Amino acid sequence: MNTDGSTVTWILCVSALVMLMTPGVGFFYGGLVRKKSFISIFTLSFITLPLVIFQWCSDRLFPGIRWRYLRIARKF
């Protein structure tokens, strides 16, 4: 991957936009459910963000792990 200044700037800008989009998705999904379920749906949209970040980072740092899990998953 090319790590020049423009690439790093683009990745940082896109990451900031995703961070801004997360509450919007929470409010959107919260508007689709009843009032008493709003907090749980809104919280779920924030819980998924660190999980996806962890999955993406672990895939980049340890690329061989996913192939091992795919071989295990094929047995089922």
PDB file of N, CA and C in Angstrom:
ATOM      1  N   MET A   1       0.838  -1.174   0.000  1.00  0.00           N
ATOM      2  CA  MET A   1       0.000   0.000   0.000  1.00  0.00           C
ATOM      3  C   MET A   1       0.882   1.237   0.000  1.00  0.00           C
ATOM      4  N   ASN A   2       0.516   2.190  -0.798  1.00  0.00           N
ATOM      5  CA  ASN A   2       1.258   3.432  -0.886  1.00  0.00           C
ATOM      6  C   ASN A   2       0.940   4.303   0.329  1.00  0.00           C
ATOM      7  N   THR A   3       1.956   4.761   1.033  1.00  0.00           N
ATOM      8  CA  THR A   3       1.732   5.544   2.252  1.00  0.00           C
ATOM      9  C   THR A   3       2.193   6.983   2.092  1.00  0.00           C
ATOM     10  N   ASP A   4       1.915   7.578   0.955  1.00  0.00           N
ATOM     11  CA  ASP A   4       2.267   8.982   0.806  1.00  0.00           C
ATOM     12  C   ASP A   4       1.260   9.857   1.562  1.00  0.00           C
ATOM     13  N   GLY A   5       1.503  11.139   1.595  1.00  0.00           N
ATOM     14  CA  GLY A   5       0.700  12.050   2.403  1.00  0.00           C
ATOM     15  C   GLY A   5      -0.762  12.110   2.004  1.00  0.00           C
ATOM     16  N   SER A   6      -1.033  12.052   0.715  1.00  0.00           N
ATOM     17  CA  SER A   6      -2.427  12.150   0.277  1.00  0.00           C
ATOM     18  C   SER A   6      -3.231  10.913   0.668  1.00  0.00           C
ATOM     19  N   THR A   7      -2.618   9.752   0.637  1.00  0.00           N
ATOM     20  CA  THR A   7      -3.314   8.531   1.036  1.00  0.00           C
ATOM     21  C   THR A   7      -3.640   8.549   2.521  1.00  0.00           C
ATOM     22  N   VAL A   8      -2.688   8.958   3.332  1.00  0.00           N
ATOM     23  CA  VAL A   8      -2.910   9.022   4.775  1.00  0.00           C
ATOM     24  C   VAL A   8      -3.988  10.054   5.099  1.00  0.00           C
ATOM     25  N   THR A   9      -3.952  11.196   4.422  1.00  0.00           N
ATOM     26  CA  THR A   9      -4.971  12.227   4.643  1.00  0.00           C
ATOM     27  C   THR A   9      -6.349  11.717   4.273  1.00  0.00           C
ATOM     28  N   TRP A  10      -6.450  11.012   3.163  1.00  0.00           N
ATOM     29  CA  TRP A  10      -7.744  10.474   2.738  1.00  0.00           C
ATOM     30  C   TRP A  10      -8.278   9.458   3.742  1.00  0.00           C
ATOM     31  N   ILE A  11      -7.432   8.575   4.232  1.00  0.00           N
ATOM     32  CA  ILE A  11      -7.853   7.576   5.216  1.00  0.00           C
ATOM     33  C   ILE A  11      -8.322   8.251   6.499  1.00  0.00           C
ATOM     34  N   LEU A  12      -7.616   9.287   6.957  1.00  0.00           N
ATOM     35  CA  LEU A  12      -8.025   9.999   8.166  1.00  0.00           C
ATOM     36  C   LEU A  12      -9.351  10.725   7.971  1.00  0.00           C
ATOM     37  N   CYS A  13      -9.553  11.333   6.810  1.00  0.00           N
ATOM     38  CA  CYS A  13     -10.825  12.027   6.537  1.00  0.00           C
ATOM     39  C   CYS A  13     -11.985  11.045   6.481  1.00  0.00           C
ATOM     40  N   VAL A  14     -11.791   9.944   5.817  1.00  0.00           N
ATOM     41  CA  VAL A  14     -12.854   8.943   5.718  1.00  0.00           C
ATOM     42  C   VAL A  14     -13.152   8.345   7.088  1.00  0.00           C
ATOM     43  N   SER A  15     -12.132   8.119   7.891  1.00  0.00           N
ATOM     44  CA  SER A  15     -12.352   7.596   9.244  1.00  0.00           C
ATOM     45  C   SER A  15     -13.145   8.582  10.088  1.00  0.00           C
ATOM     46  N   ALA A  16     -12.848   9.864   9.965  1.00  0.00           N
ATOM     47  CA  ALA A  16     -13.603  10.880  10.704  1.00  0.00           C
ATOM     48  C   ALA A  16     -15.055  10.925  10.242  1.00  0.00           C
ATOM     49  N   LEU A  17     -15.292  10.766   8.952  1.00  0.00           N
ATOM     50  CA  LEU A  17     -16.669  10.759   8.449  1.00  0.00           C
ATOM     51  C   LEU A  17     -17.446   9.544   8.950  1.00  0.00           C
ATOM     52  N   VAL A  18     -16.791   8.421   9.064  1.00  0.00           N
ATOM     53  CA  VAL A  18     -17.459   7.232   9.605  1.00  0.00           C
ATOM     54  C   VAL A  18     -17.811   7.446  11.067  1.00  0.00           C
ATOM     55  N   MET A  19     -16.912   8.089  11.814  1.00  0.00           N
ATOM     56  CA  MET A  19     -17.206   8.388  13.219  1.00  0.00           C
ATOM     57  C   MET A  19     -18.395   9.337  13.337  1.00  0.00           C
ATOM     58  N   LEU A  20     -18.536  10.270  12.416  1.00  0.00           N
ATOM     59  CA  LEU A  20     -19.690  11.170  12.426  1.00  0.00           C
ATOM     60  C   LEU A  20     -20.966  10.463  11.978  1.00  0.00           C
ATOM     61  N   MET A  21     -20.830   9.468  11.134  1.00  0.00           N
ATOM     62  CA  MET A  21     -21.989   8.765  10.609  1.00  0.00           C
ATOM     63  C   MET A  21     -22.593   7.802  11.627  1.00  0.00           C
ATOM     64  N   THR A  22     -21.804   7.317  12.563  1.00  0.00           N
ATOM     65  CA  THR A  22     -22.275   6.312  13.517  1.00  0.00           C
ATOM     66  C   THR A  22     -23.467   6.784  14.346  1.00  0.00           C
ATOM     67  N   PRO A  23     -23.464   7.991  14.934  1.00  0.00           N
ATOM     68  CA  PRO A  23     -24.672   8.424  15.644  1.00  0.00           C
ATOM     69  C   PRO A  23     -25.875   8.578  14.720  1.00  0.00           C
ATOM     70  N   GLY A  24     -25.636   8.985  13.489  1.00  0.00           N
ATOM     71  CA  GLY A  24     -26.739   9.110  12.538  1.00  0.00           C
ATOM     72  C   GLY A  24     -27.400   7.776  12.256  1.00  0.00           C
ATOM     73  N   VAL A  25     -26.605   6.742  12.117  1.00  0.00           N
ATOM     74  CA  VAL A  25     -27.158   5.399  11.914  1.00  0.00           C
ATOM     75  C   VAL A  25     -27.921   4.951  13.153  1.00  0.00           C
ATOM     76  N   GLY A  26     -27.391   5.286  14.335  1.00  0.00           N
ATOM     77  CA  GLY A  26     -28.083   4.941  15.579  1.00  0.00           C
ATOM     78  C   GLY A  26     -29.434   5.626  15.681  1.00  0.00           C
ATOM     79  N   PHE A  27     -29.491   6.904  15.326  1.00  0.00           N
ATOM     80  CA  PHE A  27     -30.768   7.620  15.353  1.00  0.00           C
ATOM     81  C   PHE A  27     -31.730   7.086  14.294  1.00  0.00           C
ATOM     82  N   PHE A  28     -31.202   6.721  13.134  1.00  0.00           N
ATOM     83  CA  PHE A  28     -32.066   6.172  12.084  1.00  0.00           C
ATOM     84  C   PHE A  28     -32.684   4.852  12.521  1.00  0.00           C
ATOM     85  N   TYR A  29     -31.846   3.935  12.998  1.00  0.00           N
ATOM     86  CA  TYR A  29     -32.369   2.653  13.469  1.00  0.00           C
ATOM     87  C   TYR A  29     -33.250   2.829  14.692  1.00  0.00           C
ATOM     88  N   GLY A  30     -32.914   3.794  15.548  1.00  0.00           N
ATOM     89  CA  GLY A  30     -33.740   4.061  16.721  1.00  0.00           C
ATOM     90  C   GLY A  30     -35.116   4.584  16.351  1.00  0.00           C
ATOM     91  N   GLY A  31     -35.213   5.284  15.238  1.00  0.00           N
ATOM     92  CA  GLY A  31     -36.512   5.774  14.781  1.00  0.00           C
ATOM     93  C   GLY A  31     -37.388   4.686  14.197  1.00  0.00           C
ATOM     94  N   LEU A  32     -36.816   3.550  13.892  1.00  0.00           N
ATOM     95  CA  LEU A  32     -37.588   2.454  13.306  1.00  0.00           C
ATOM     96  C   LEU A  32     -38.174   1.511  14.345  1.00  0.00           C
ATOM     97  N   VAL A  33     -37.800   1.687  15.613  1.00  0.00           N
ATOM     98  CA  VAL A  33     -38.278   0.792  16.668  1.00  0.00           C
ATOM     99  C   VAL A  33     -39.139   1.578  17.651  1.00  0.00           C
ATOM    100  N   ARG A  34     -39.724   0.863  18.593  1.00  0.00           N
ATOM    101  CA  ARG A  34     -40.535   1.525  19.614  1.00  0.00           C
ATOM    102  C   ARG A  34     -39.664   2.340  20.556  1.00  0.00           C
ATOM    103  N   LYS A  35     -40.316   3.222  21.294  1.00  0.00           N
ATOM    104  CA  LYS A  35     -39.596   4.148  22.163  1.00  0.00           C
ATOM    105  C   LYS A  35     -38.778   3.432  23.236  1.00  0.00           C
ATOM    106  N   LYS A  36     -39.301   2.345  23.774  1.00  0.00           N
ATOM    107  CA  LYS A  36     -38.578   1.664  24.848  1.00  0.00           C
ATOM    108  C   LYS A  36     -37.364   0.887  24.337  1.00  0.00           C
ATOM    109  N   SER A  37     -37.276   0.629  23.050  1.00  0.00           N
ATOM    110  CA  SER A  37     -36.137  -0.099  22.483  1.00  0.00           C
ATOM    111  C   SER A  37     -35.076   0.824  21.898  1.00  0.00           C
ATOM    112  N   PHE A  38     -35.306   2.130  21.976  1.00  0.00           N
ATOM    113  CA  PHE A  38     -34.399   3.078  21.328  1.00  0.00           C
ATOM    114  C   PHE A  38     -32.985   3.004  21.896  1.00  0.00           C
ATOM    115  N   ILE A  39     -32.858   2.968  23.220  1.00  0.00           N
ATOM    116  CA  ILE A  39     -31.530   2.988  23.845  1.00  0.00           C
ATOM    117  C   ILE A  39     -30.718   1.759  23.450  1.00  0.00           C
ATOM    118  N   SER A  40     -31.348   0.602  23.427  1.00  0.00           N
ATOM    119  CA  SER A  40     -30.596  -0.609  23.082  1.00  0.00           C
ATOM    120  C   SER A  40     -30.158  -0.594  21.620  1.00  0.00           C
ATOM    121  N   ILE A  41     -31.010  -0.128  20.720  1.00  0.00           N
ATOM    122  CA  ILE A  41     -30.635  -0.066  19.304  1.00  0.00           C
ATOM    123  C   ILE A  41     -29.552   0.985  19.087  1.00  0.00           C
ATOM    124  N   PHE A  42     -29.690   2.120  19.763  1.00  0.00           N
ATOM    125  CA  PHE A  42     -28.692   3.183  19.638  1.00  0.00           C
ATOM    126  C   PHE A  42     -27.337   2.711  20.166  1.00  0.00           C
ATOM    127  N   THR A  43     -27.349   1.967  21.256  1.00  0.00           N
ATOM    128  CA  THR A  43     -26.114   1.435  21.830  1.00  0.00           C
ATOM    129  C   THR A  43     -25.488   0.389  20.914  1.00  0.00           C
ATOM    130  N   LEU A  44     -26.303  -0.426  20.279  1.00  0.00           N
ATOM    131  CA  LEU A  44     -25.768  -1.453  19.374  1.00  0.00           C
ATOM    132  C   LEU A  44     -25.005  -0.844  18.203  1.00  0.00           C
ATOM    133  N   SER A  45     -25.466   0.312  17.722  1.00  0.00           N
ATOM    134  CA  SER A  45     -24.739   0.940  16.620  1.00  0.00           C
ATOM    135  C   SER A  45     -23.359   1.407  17.059  1.00  0.00           C
ATOM    136  N   PHE A  46     -23.203   1.762  18.337  1.00  0.00           N
ATOM    137  CA  PHE A  46     -21.890   2.161  18.836  1.00  0.00           C
ATOM    138  C   PHE A  46     -21.030   0.964  19.212  1.00  0.00           C
ATOM    139  N   ILE A  47     -21.640  -0.132  19.595  1.00  0.00           N
ATOM    140  CA  ILE A  47     -20.879  -1.329  19.953  1.00  0.00           C
ATOM    141  C   ILE A  47     -20.242  -1.958  18.717  1.00  0.00           C
ATOM    142  N   THR A  48     -20.921  -1.891  17.596  1.00  0.00           N
ATOM    143  CA  THR A  48     -20.386  -2.517  16.390  1.00  0.00           C
ATOM    144  C   THR A  48     -19.152  -1.803  15.853  1.00  0.00           C
ATOM    145  N   LEU A  49     -19.019  -0.507  16.123  1.00  0.00           N
ATOM    146  CA  LEU A  49     -17.881   0.242  15.592  1.00  0.00           C
ATOM    147  C   LEU A  49     -16.541  -0.301  16.083  1.00  0.00           C
ATOM    148  N   PRO A  50     -16.315  -0.471  17.404  1.00  0.00           N
ATOM    149  CA  PRO A  50     -15.021  -1.040  17.809  1.00  0.00           C
ATOM    150  C   PRO A  50     -14.833  -2.489  17.374  1.00  0.00           C
ATOM    151  N   LEU A  51     -15.919  -3.237  17.247  1.00  0.00           N
ATOM    152  CA  LEU A  51     -15.784  -4.616  16.781  1.00  0.00           C
ATOM    153  C   LEU A  51     -15.290  -4.671  15.342  1.00  0.00           C
ATOM    154  N   VAL A  52     -15.824  -3.802  14.508  1.00  0.00           N
ATOM    155  CA  VAL A  52     -15.390  -3.771  13.111  1.00  0.00           C
ATOM    156  C   VAL A  52     -13.954  -3.265  13.014  1.00  0.00           C
ATOM    157  N   ILE A  53     -13.608  -2.269  13.823  1.00  0.00           N
ATOM    158  CA  ILE A  53     -12.231  -1.768  13.822  1.00  0.00           C
ATOM    159  C   ILE A  53     -11.268  -2.869  14.253  1.00  0.00           C
ATOM    160  N   PHE A  54     -11.619  -3.610  15.291  1.00  0.00           N
ATOM    161  CA  PHE A  54     -10.765  -4.712  15.749  1.00  0.00           C
ATOM    162  C   PHE A  54     -10.625  -5.777  14.670  1.00  0.00           C
ATOM    163  N   GLN A  55     -11.729  -6.112  14.011  1.00  0.00           N
ATOM    164  CA  GLN A  55     -11.679  -7.131  12.966  1.00  0.00           C
ATOM    165  C   GLN A  55     -10.801  -6.669  11.808  1.00  0.00           C
ATOM    166  N   TRP A  56     -10.935  -5.415  11.417  1.00  0.00           N
ATOM    167  CA  TRP A  56     -10.149  -4.902  10.307  1.00  0.00           C
ATOM    168  C   TRP A  56      -8.668  -4.874  10.667  1.00  0.00           C
ATOM    169  N   CYS A  57      -8.343  -4.409  11.881  1.00  0.00           N
ATOM    170  CA  CYS A  57      -6.936  -4.336  12.297  1.00  0.00           C
ATOM    171  C   CYS A  57      -6.324  -5.722  12.441  1.00  0.00           C
ATOM    172  N   SER A  58      -7.075  -6.659  12.998  1.00  0.00           N
ATOM    173  CA  SER A  58      -6.523  -8.001  13.150  1.00  0.00           C
ATOM    174  C   SER A  58      -6.327  -8.673  11.795  1.00  0.00           C
ATOM    175  N   ASP A  59      -7.173  -8.361  10.841  1.00  0.00           N
ATOM    176  CA  ASP A  59      -7.005  -8.919   9.502  1.00  0.00           C
ATOM    177  C   ASP A  59      -5.758  -8.347   8.839  1.00  0.00           C
ATOM    178  N   ARG A  60      -5.467  -7.090   9.088  1.00  0.00           N
ATOM    179  CA  ARG A  60      -4.278  -6.469   8.507  1.00  0.00           C
ATOM    180  C   ARG A  60      -3.002  -6.904   9.223  1.00  0.00           C
ATOM    181  N   LEU A  61      -3.076  -7.074  10.543  1.00  0.00           N
ATOM    182  CA  LEU A  61      -1.872  -7.420  11.298  1.00  0.00           C
ATOM    183  C   LEU A  61      -1.550  -8.907  11.233  1.00  0.00           C
ATOM    184  N   PHE A  62      -2.591  -9.743  11.247  1.00  0.00           N
ATOM    185  CA  PHE A  62      -2.405 -11.194  11.255  1.00  0.00           C
ATOM    186  C   PHE A  62      -3.218 -11.821  10.122  1.00  0.00           C
ATOM    187  N   PRO A  63      -2.771 -11.700   8.878  1.00  0.00           N
ATOM    188  CA  PRO A  63      -3.596 -12.157   7.758  1.00  0.00           C
ATOM    189  C   PRO A  63      -3.776 -13.667   7.688  1.00  0.00           C
ATOM    190  N   GLY A  64      -2.909 -14.449   8.296  1.00  0.00           N
ATOM    191  CA  GLY A  64      -3.031 -15.898   8.206  1.00  0.00           C
ATOM    192  C   GLY A  64      -4.106 -16.481   9.096  1.00  0.00           C
ATOM    193  N   ILE A  65      -4.566 -15.723  10.078  1.00  0.00           N
ATOM    194  CA  ILE A  65      -5.537 -16.259  11.031  1.00  0.00           C
ATOM    195  C   ILE A  65      -6.873 -16.545  10.355  1.00  0.00           C
ATOM    196  N   ARG A  66      -7.303 -15.669   9.459  1.00  0.00           N
ATOM    197  CA  ARG A  66      -8.620 -15.874   8.848  1.00  0.00           C
ATOM    198  C   ARG A  66      -8.667 -17.162   8.034  1.00  0.00           C
ATOM    199  N   TRP A  67      -7.577 -17.544   7.400  1.00  0.00           N
ATOM    200  CA  TRP A  67      -7.585 -18.781   6.619  1.00  0.00           C
ATOM    201  C   TRP A  67      -7.721 -19.999   7.517  1.00  0.00           C
ATOM    202  N   ARG A  68      -7.124 -19.935   8.694  1.00  0.00           N
ATOM    203  CA  ARG A  68      -7.255 -21.046   9.635  1.00  0.00           C
ATOM    204  C   ARG A  68      -8.712 -21.187  10.072  1.00  0.00           C
ATOM    205  N   TYR A  69      -9.380 -20.065  10.361  1.00  0.00           N
ATOM    206  CA  TYR A  69     -10.775 -20.134  10.782  1.00  0.00           C
ATOM    207  C   TYR A  69     -11.697 -20.550   9.637  1.00  0.00           C
ATOM    208  N   LEU A  70     -11.341 -20.192   8.425  1.00  0.00           N
ATOM    209  CA  LEU A  70     -12.150 -20.631   7.289  1.00  0.00           C
ATOM    210  C   LEU A  70     -12.071 -22.142   7.114  1.00  0.00           C
ATOM    211  N   ARG A  71     -10.897 -22.715   7.336  1.00  0.00           N
ATOM    212  CA  ARG A  71     -10.777 -24.174   7.242  1.00  0.00           C
ATOM    213  C   ARG A  71     -11.601 -24.849   8.325  1.00  0.00           C
ATOM    214  N   ILE A  72     -11.626 -24.266   9.527  1.00  0.00           N
ATOM    215  CA  ILE A  72     -12.430 -24.833  10.608  1.00  0.00           C
ATOM    216  C   ILE A  72     -13.910 -24.694  10.290  1.00  0.00           C
ATOM    217  N   ALA A  73     -14.310 -23.556   9.734  1.00  0.00           N
ATOM    218  CA  ALA A  73     -15.724 -23.313   9.458  1.00  0.00           C
ATOM    219  C   ALA A  73     -16.251 -24.209   8.344  1.00  0.00           C
ATOM    220  N   ARG A  74     -15.409 -24.631   7.431  1.00  0.00           N
ATOM    221  CA  ARG A  74     -15.866 -25.495   6.340  1.00  0.00           C
ATOM    222  C   ARG A  74     -16.312 -26.861   6.827  1.00  0.00           C
ATOM    223  N   LYS A  75     -15.826 -27.285   7.984  1.00  0.00           N
ATOM    224  CA  LYS A  75     -16.223 -28.588   8.515  1.00  0.00           C
ATOM    225  C   LYS A  75     -17.690 -28.599   8.913  1.00  0.00           C
ATOM    226  N   PHE A  76     -18.225 -27.441   9.243  1.00  0.00           N
ATOM    227  CA  PHE A  76     -19.617 -27.379   9.670  1.00  0.00           C
ATOM    228  C   PHE A  76     -20.497 -27.151   8.486  1.00  0.00           C
TER     229      PHE A  76
END
